[in-house]
């Protein structure tokens, strides 16, 4: 494996600083980003560090999105479960031409005055994953007891990143800006 300083030398200093600021396995995250870039020049990036609770356990996750001239690199690091001292590092490369949709959603406080951002979501769809929501089908007859099978919806579910100023500070605004630039990059 390359030394951390070698990895960091190939990444923008602002990206290295944001990764380090999160304090979540910074050398693993930086190495994974460098691996995904494979020498390509990063043009834009977004870093999200998220903590979730499952019962009494804290689980940390980190997602780094990096745009190059032709690809979107997605790095996701998950903390190991339970008492295991491990992390799962996933690197995915998506061609920008493969991206079907980039959706930026903002929840605005006092929308008439645009008083501030409460929350923001960035959803990127390229067709790698789909979510199926199924439920029993029914007819209009309230007395009908026939089995009408199932009805459902198949929705794209590739990646959604959610941030709020309360939890993520200025990164919520950065998410909106990154999403807008990505929308422009895919045409």
Protein backbone atom coordinates (compact mmCIF):
# COMPACT_ATOMS: atom_id res chain seq x y z
CA UNK A 1 0.00 0.00 0.00
CA UNK A 2 1.23 3.53 -0.70
CA UNK A 3 2.33 5.71 2.20
CA UNK A 4 -0.24 8.26 3.42
CA UNK A 5 1.88 11.24 2.38
CA UNK A 6 2.14 9.75 -1.15
CA UNK A 7 -1.65 9.35 -1.30
CA UNK A 8 -2.25 12.84 0.05
CA UNK A 9 0.17 14.35 -2.47
CA UNK A 10 -2.19 13.27 -5.26
CA UNK A 11 -5.32 14.74 -3.65
CA UNK A 12 -6.31 18.41 -3.40
CA UNK A 13 -5.23 19.82 -0.01
CA UNK A 14 -8.80 20.99 0.71
CA UNK A 15 -10.11 17.44 0.20
CA UNK A 16 -7.39 16.00 2.45
CA UNK A 17 -8.24 18.62 5.10
CA UNK A 18 -11.98 17.83 5.00
CA UNK A 19 -11.29 14.10 5.26
CA UNK A 20 -8.91 14.66 8.20
CA UNK A 21 -11.37 17.01 9.93
CA UNK A 22 -13.94 14.20 10.10
CA UNK A 23 -11.48 12.07 12.07
CA UNK A 24 -12.97 8.85 10.69
CA UNK A 25 -10.13 6.62 9.45
CA UNK A 26 -8.61 9.48 7.42
CA UNK A 27 -5.79 7.40 5.94
CA UNK A 28 -8.22 4.70 4.76
CA UNK A 29 -10.58 7.30 3.30
CA UNK A 30 -7.78 9.19 1.51
CA UNK A 31 -6.30 5.95 0.17
CA UNK A 32 -9.73 4.82 -1.08
CA UNK A 33 -10.32 8.15 -2.84
CA UNK A 34 -6.87 7.96 -4.46
CA UNK A 35 -7.57 4.38 -5.52
CA UNK A 36 -10.85 5.45 -7.14
CA UNK A 37 -9.23 8.38 -8.90
CA UNK A 38 -6.49 6.15 -10.34
CA UNK A 39 -4.46 9.19 -11.32
CA UNK A 40 -7.38 11.19 -12.76
CA UNK A 41 -7.64 14.84 -11.76
CA UNK A 42 -10.39 15.62 -9.24
CA UNK A 43 -12.47 18.63 -10.32
CA UNK A 44 -15.04 18.77 -7.51
CA UNK A 45 -15.85 16.89 -4.31
CA UNK A 46 -18.28 16.50 -1.42
CA UNK A 47 -17.53 14.89 1.95
CA UNK A 48 -20.18 13.62 4.37
CA UNK A 49 -19.49 12.06 7.76
CA UNK A 50 -22.60 10.62 9.38
CA UNK A 51 -23.25 8.90 12.68
CA UNK A 52 -26.33 6.75 13.20
CA UNK A 53 -27.61 4.88 16.21
CA UNK A 54 -28.90 1.31 16.22
CA UNK A 55 -30.12 0.53 19.70
CA UNK A 56 -27.20 1.31 22.00
CA UNK A 57 -24.58 1.17 19.25
CA UNK A 58 -23.10 4.07 17.33
CA UNK A 59 -22.30 3.42 13.65
CA UNK A 60 -20.23 5.86 11.65
CA UNK A 61 -20.30 6.18 7.87
CA UNK A 62 -18.43 8.40 5.50
CA UNK A 63 -19.25 9.17 1.89
CA UNK A 64 -16.95 11.06 -0.45
CA UNK A 65 -18.12 12.02 -3.93
CA UNK A 66 -15.42 13.16 -6.35
CA UNK A 67 -16.09 14.35 -9.89
CA UNK A 68 -13.47 14.09 -12.59
CA UNK A 69 -13.83 15.18 -16.21
CA UNK A 70 -15.58 11.93 -17.12
CA UNK A 71 -16.42 10.04 -13.90
CA UNK A 72 -18.07 10.31 -10.53
CA UNK A 73 -16.06 8.45 -7.89
CA UNK A 74 -18.11 7.31 -4.88
CA UNK A 75 -16.20 6.23 -1.79
CA UNK A 76 -18.17 4.86 1.14
CA UNK A 77 -16.62 3.76 4.41
CA UNK A 78 -18.67 1.88 7.01
CA UNK A 79 -17.54 1.10 10.50
CA UNK A 80 -17.49 -2.60 11.42
CA UNK A 81 -20.38 -3.94 13.45
CA UNK A 82 -20.33 -4.68 17.15
CA UNK A 83 -16.95 -5.02 18.79
CA UNK A 84 -15.12 -5.86 15.56
CA UNK A 85 -12.24 -3.54 14.78
CA UNK A 86 -12.75 -3.20 11.05
CA UNK A 87 -14.11 -0.90 8.39
CA UNK A 88 -15.63 -1.66 5.01
CA UNK A 89 -14.29 0.54 2.22
CA UNK A 90 -16.20 0.61 -1.07
CA UNK A 91 -15.07 2.49 -4.17
CA UNK A 92 -17.40 2.85 -7.15
CA UNK A 93 -16.71 4.64 -10.42
CA UNK A 94 -19.64 5.85 -12.52
CA UNK A 95 -19.19 7.37 -15.97
CA UNK A 96 -20.82 10.81 -16.07
CA UNK A 97 -22.48 9.81 -19.34
CA UNK A 98 -24.21 6.96 -17.45
CA UNK A 99 -25.88 9.25 -14.93
CA UNK A 100 -29.58 9.52 -15.73
CA UNK A 101 -30.58 12.08 -13.14
CA UNK A 102 -29.18 14.40 -10.49
CA UNK A 103 -31.82 15.69 -8.08
CA UNK A 104 -31.14 18.47 -5.57
CA UNK A 105 -33.92 18.96 -3.01
CA UNK A 106 -33.92 21.80 -0.49
CA UNK A 107 -36.17 22.26 2.52
CA UNK A 108 -36.28 26.02 3.00
CA UNK A 109 -37.21 27.93 6.15
CA UNK A 110 -39.71 30.74 5.49
CA UNK A 111 -39.75 30.00 1.76
CA UNK A 112 -41.27 33.31 0.74
CA UNK A 113 -38.25 35.12 2.18
CA UNK A 114 -35.80 32.22 1.56
CA UNK A 115 -34.71 32.67 5.19
CA UNK A 116 -32.46 29.64 5.25
CA UNK A 117 -31.79 26.04 4.44
CA UNK A 118 -33.25 23.47 6.85
CA UNK A 119 -32.15 20.37 4.97
CA UNK A 120 -30.82 19.29 1.59
CA UNK A 121 -30.76 16.02 -0.34
CA UNK A 122 -28.67 15.05 -3.34
CA UNK A 123 -29.92 12.01 -5.26
CA UNK A 124 -27.89 10.61 -8.13
CA UNK A 125 -29.38 7.92 -10.38
CA UNK A 126 -27.47 5.80 -12.88
CA UNK A 127 -29.49 2.59 -12.79
CA UNK A 128 -27.22 0.41 -10.67
CA UNK A 129 -29.79 -0.19 -7.91
CA UNK A 130 -33.58 -0.26 -7.75
CA UNK A 131 -35.93 -0.39 -4.78
CA UNK A 132 -39.17 -2.35 -5.06
CA UNK A 133 -42.10 -1.35 -2.85
CA UNK A 134 -44.88 -3.96 -2.96
CA UNK A 135 -48.29 -4.16 -1.34
CA UNK A 136 -51.49 -6.13 -1.75
CA UNK A 137 -53.64 -5.02 -4.66
CA UNK A 138 -57.33 -4.33 -4.06
CA UNK A 139 -60.43 -3.44 -6.01
CA UNK A 140 -63.13 -0.81 -5.46
CA UNK A 141 -65.63 -3.29 -3.96
CA UNK A 142 -65.41 -3.10 -0.13
CA UNK A 143 -67.04 -6.57 0.14
CA UNK A 144 -64.64 -8.27 -2.29
CA UNK A 145 -62.53 -11.02 -0.76
CA UNK A 146 -60.73 -12.08 -3.93
CA UNK A 147 -56.97 -12.18 -4.11
CA UNK A 148 -55.96 -9.40 -6.50
CA UNK A 149 -52.25 -10.12 -6.31
CA UNK A 150 -49.79 -7.37 -5.62
CA UNK A 151 -49.12 -3.90 -6.86
CA UNK A 152 -45.92 -2.00 -6.54
CA UNK A 153 -43.47 0.60 -7.63
CA UNK A 154 -39.90 0.17 -8.79
CA UNK A 155 -37.80 3.23 -8.01
CA UNK A 156 -34.16 3.99 -8.73
CA UNK A 157 -32.14 3.90 -5.53
CA UNK A 158 -28.49 4.48 -6.38
CA UNK A 159 -27.34 7.09 -3.86
CA UNK A 160 -28.91 9.81 -1.77
CA UNK A 161 -26.89 12.08 0.50
CA UNK A 162 -28.79 14.13 3.07
CA UNK A 163 -27.40 17.02 5.09
CA UNK A 164 -28.69 19.74 7.37
CA UNK A 165 -27.00 22.86 8.73
CA UNK A 166 -27.81 21.68 12.27
CA UNK A 167 -25.91 18.40 11.83
CA UNK A 168 -23.46 19.19 9.03
CA UNK A 169 -22.87 22.93 9.26
CA UNK A 170 -21.84 24.59 6.01
CA UNK A 171 -21.60 21.19 4.26
CA UNK A 172 -25.36 21.34 3.64
CA UNK A 173 -24.82 24.41 1.46
CA UNK A 174 -21.86 22.65 -0.19
CA UNK A 175 -24.12 19.69 -1.01
CA UNK A 176 -26.49 21.99 -2.92
CA UNK A 177 -23.59 23.64 -4.76
CA UNK A 178 -21.94 20.29 -5.61
CA UNK A 179 -25.28 18.93 -6.86
CA UNK A 180 -25.84 21.99 -9.04
CA UNK A 181 -22.37 21.69 -10.56
CA UNK A 182 -22.88 17.96 -11.16
CA UNK A 183 -26.18 18.73 -12.91
CA UNK A 184 -24.26 21.06 -15.22
CA UNK A 185 -21.52 18.49 -15.82
CA UNK A 186 -23.87 15.75 -17.00
CA UNK A 187 -25.62 18.11 -19.43
